[in-house]
Protein backbone atom coordinates (compact mmCIF):
# COMPACT_ATOMS: atom_id res chain seq x y z
CA MET A 1 0.00 0.00 0.00
CA LYS A 2 2.86 2.40 0.81
CA GLU A 3 4.39 2.04 -2.65
CA ASN A 4 1.11 2.94 -4.35
CA SER A 5 0.71 6.12 -2.29
CA ASP A 6 4.25 7.19 -3.23
CA ILE A 7 3.46 6.66 -6.91
CA VAL A 8 0.21 8.64 -6.67
CA ILE A 9 1.92 11.52 -4.87
CA PHE A 10 4.69 11.56 -7.49
CA LEU A 11 2.22 11.53 -10.40
CA VAL A 12 0.14 14.34 -8.89
CA TYR A 13 3.32 16.34 -8.30
CA MET A 14 4.54 15.85 -11.88
CA ILE A 15 1.16 16.87 -13.33
CA LEU A 16 0.97 19.98 -11.14
CA TRP A 17 4.58 20.90 -11.91
CA GLY A 18 3.94 20.56 -15.62
CA LEU A 19 0.81 22.73 -15.41
CA ILE A 20 2.61 25.42 -13.39
CA ASP A 21 5.52 25.43 -15.85
CA ILE A 22 3.27 25.69 -18.91
CA LEU A 23 1.16 28.44 -17.35
CA SER A 24 4.22 30.41 -16.24
CA TRP A 25 5.83 30.09 -19.67
CA LEU A 26 2.66 31.30 -21.42
CA HIS A 27 2.20 34.14 -18.93
CA VAL A 28 5.79 35.40 -19.21
CA ARG A 29 5.74 35.06 -22.99
CA SER A 30 2.58 37.20 -23.23
CA ARG A 31 4.08 40.19 -21.39
CA PRO A 32 4.67 43.18 -23.70
CA THR A 33 8.02 44.53 -22.47
CA ALA A 34 11.32 43.03 -21.40
CA GLN A 35 10.95 44.59 -17.94
CA ASP A 36 7.53 42.96 -17.47
CA LYS A 37 8.88 39.64 -18.70
CA LYS A 38 11.78 39.77 -16.24
CA LYS A 39 9.52 40.81 -13.36
CA TRP A 40 7.07 37.96 -13.97
CA PHE A 41 9.84 35.47 -14.75
CA ASP A 42 11.38 36.20 -11.35
CA ARG A 43 8.05 35.74 -9.59
CA TRP A 44 7.27 32.47 -11.37
CA CYS A 45 10.80 31.20 -10.73
CA ILE A 46 10.35 31.73 -7.00
CA ILE A 47 6.91 30.05 -7.05
CA VAL A 48 8.18 27.01 -8.95
CA GLY A 49 11.27 26.83 -6.72
CA ALA A 50 9.08 26.86 -3.60
CA PHE A 51 6.86 24.17 -5.13
CA VAL A 52 9.83 21.92 -5.91
CA LEU A 53 11.42 22.49 -2.50
CA GLY A 54 8.10 21.79 -0.80
CA PHE A 55 7.81 18.49 -2.62
CA MET A 56 11.39 17.53 -1.79
CA GLY A 57 10.74 18.38 1.86
CA LEU A 58 7.56 16.27 1.82
CA ILE A 59 9.45 13.32 0.37
CA ALA A 60 12.26 13.70 2.91
CA VAL A 61 9.71 13.70 5.76
CA MET A 62 7.80 10.74 4.31
CA TRP A 63 11.02 8.74 4.00
CA LYS A 64 12.23 9.96 7.41
CA ALA A 65 15.40 11.35 5.83
CA TYR A 66 15.39 14.59 7.84
CA ILE A 67 19.10 15.17 7.32
CA LEU A 68 18.43 15.81 3.61
CA ILE A 69 16.11 18.79 4.21
CA PRO A 70 18.93 21.35 4.74
CA LEU A 71 20.78 19.93 1.72
CA PHE A 72 17.68 20.21 -0.49
CA LEU A 73 17.05 23.71 0.80
CA ALA A 74 20.61 24.90 0.12
CA VAL A 75 20.79 23.40 -3.37
CA GLY A 76 17.28 24.57 -4.29
CA VAL A 77 17.80 28.14 -3.12
CA GLY A 78 21.16 28.23 -4.90
CA LEU A 79 19.61 27.10 -8.17
CA VAL A 80 16.79 29.64 -7.91
CA VAL A 81 19.25 32.47 -7.18
CA LEU A 82 21.46 31.48 -10.13
CA ASN A 83 18.43 31.29 -12.39
CA LEU A 84 17.24 34.74 -11.29
CA ARG A 85 20.69 36.28 -11.60
CA ASN A 86 21.68 34.85 -14.98
CA THR A 87 18.43 35.11 -16.96
CA TYR A 88 17.94 38.21 -19.08
CA PHE A 89 15.27 39.53 -21.40
CA CYS A 90 16.56 41.74 -24.18
CA GLY A 91 14.99 45.18 -24.44
CA SER A 92 15.73 45.29 -28.14
CA CYS A 93 14.53 41.92 -29.48
CA GLY A 94 12.52 40.75 -26.43
CA LYS A 95 14.10 37.29 -26.35
CA ARG A 96 15.25 35.46 -23.25
CA SER A 97 18.90 34.53 -22.84
CA PHE A 98 21.06 32.94 -20.17
CA SER A 99 24.53 34.00 -19.13
CA GLN A 100 26.74 30.92 -18.88
CA ASN A 101 29.64 32.86 -17.40
CA TRP A 102 28.70 33.48 -13.76
CA PHE A 103 31.59 35.84 -12.97
CA SER A 104 31.67 38.01 -16.07
CA LYS A 105 30.85 41.69 -15.68
CA THR A 106 29.32 41.99 -19.16
CA PHE A 107 26.81 39.98 -21.14
CA HIS A 108 25.38 40.69 -24.57
CA CYS A 109 22.22 39.32 -26.16
CA PRO A 110 23.19 36.32 -28.33
CA HIS A 111 20.32 37.15 -30.73
CA CYS A 112 20.87 40.85 -31.47
CA GLY A 113 24.07 41.84 -29.62
CA GLU A 114 22.61 44.41 -27.22
CA ARG A 115 24.42 44.73 -23.90
CA LEU A 116 22.33 43.24 -21.09
CA ARG A 117 24.83 43.38 -18.21
């Protein structure tokens, strides 16, 4: 019985995660300006990050692996911060781009060349 409840919880989580991701992608894509896209991207990134961390915490509690909760929290928050810091929306072409170089002081849009950082 325990294995079936784990499978159901995982399937519900995956369906909800997929719906949240599709809705956030459509919502961010429909924003008219690069500033609006960045603002809503940041908000959705935090919501999805909290959702994923909540699920990981639930699984850790269900499996009685309490020592993993701080590890999940640290890695999850780090990934959300990196995603927020290194995602840009170009004011010129409106496309999203990611900076792969975490320590660079400058970053230009790979689509049109405009300086983003």
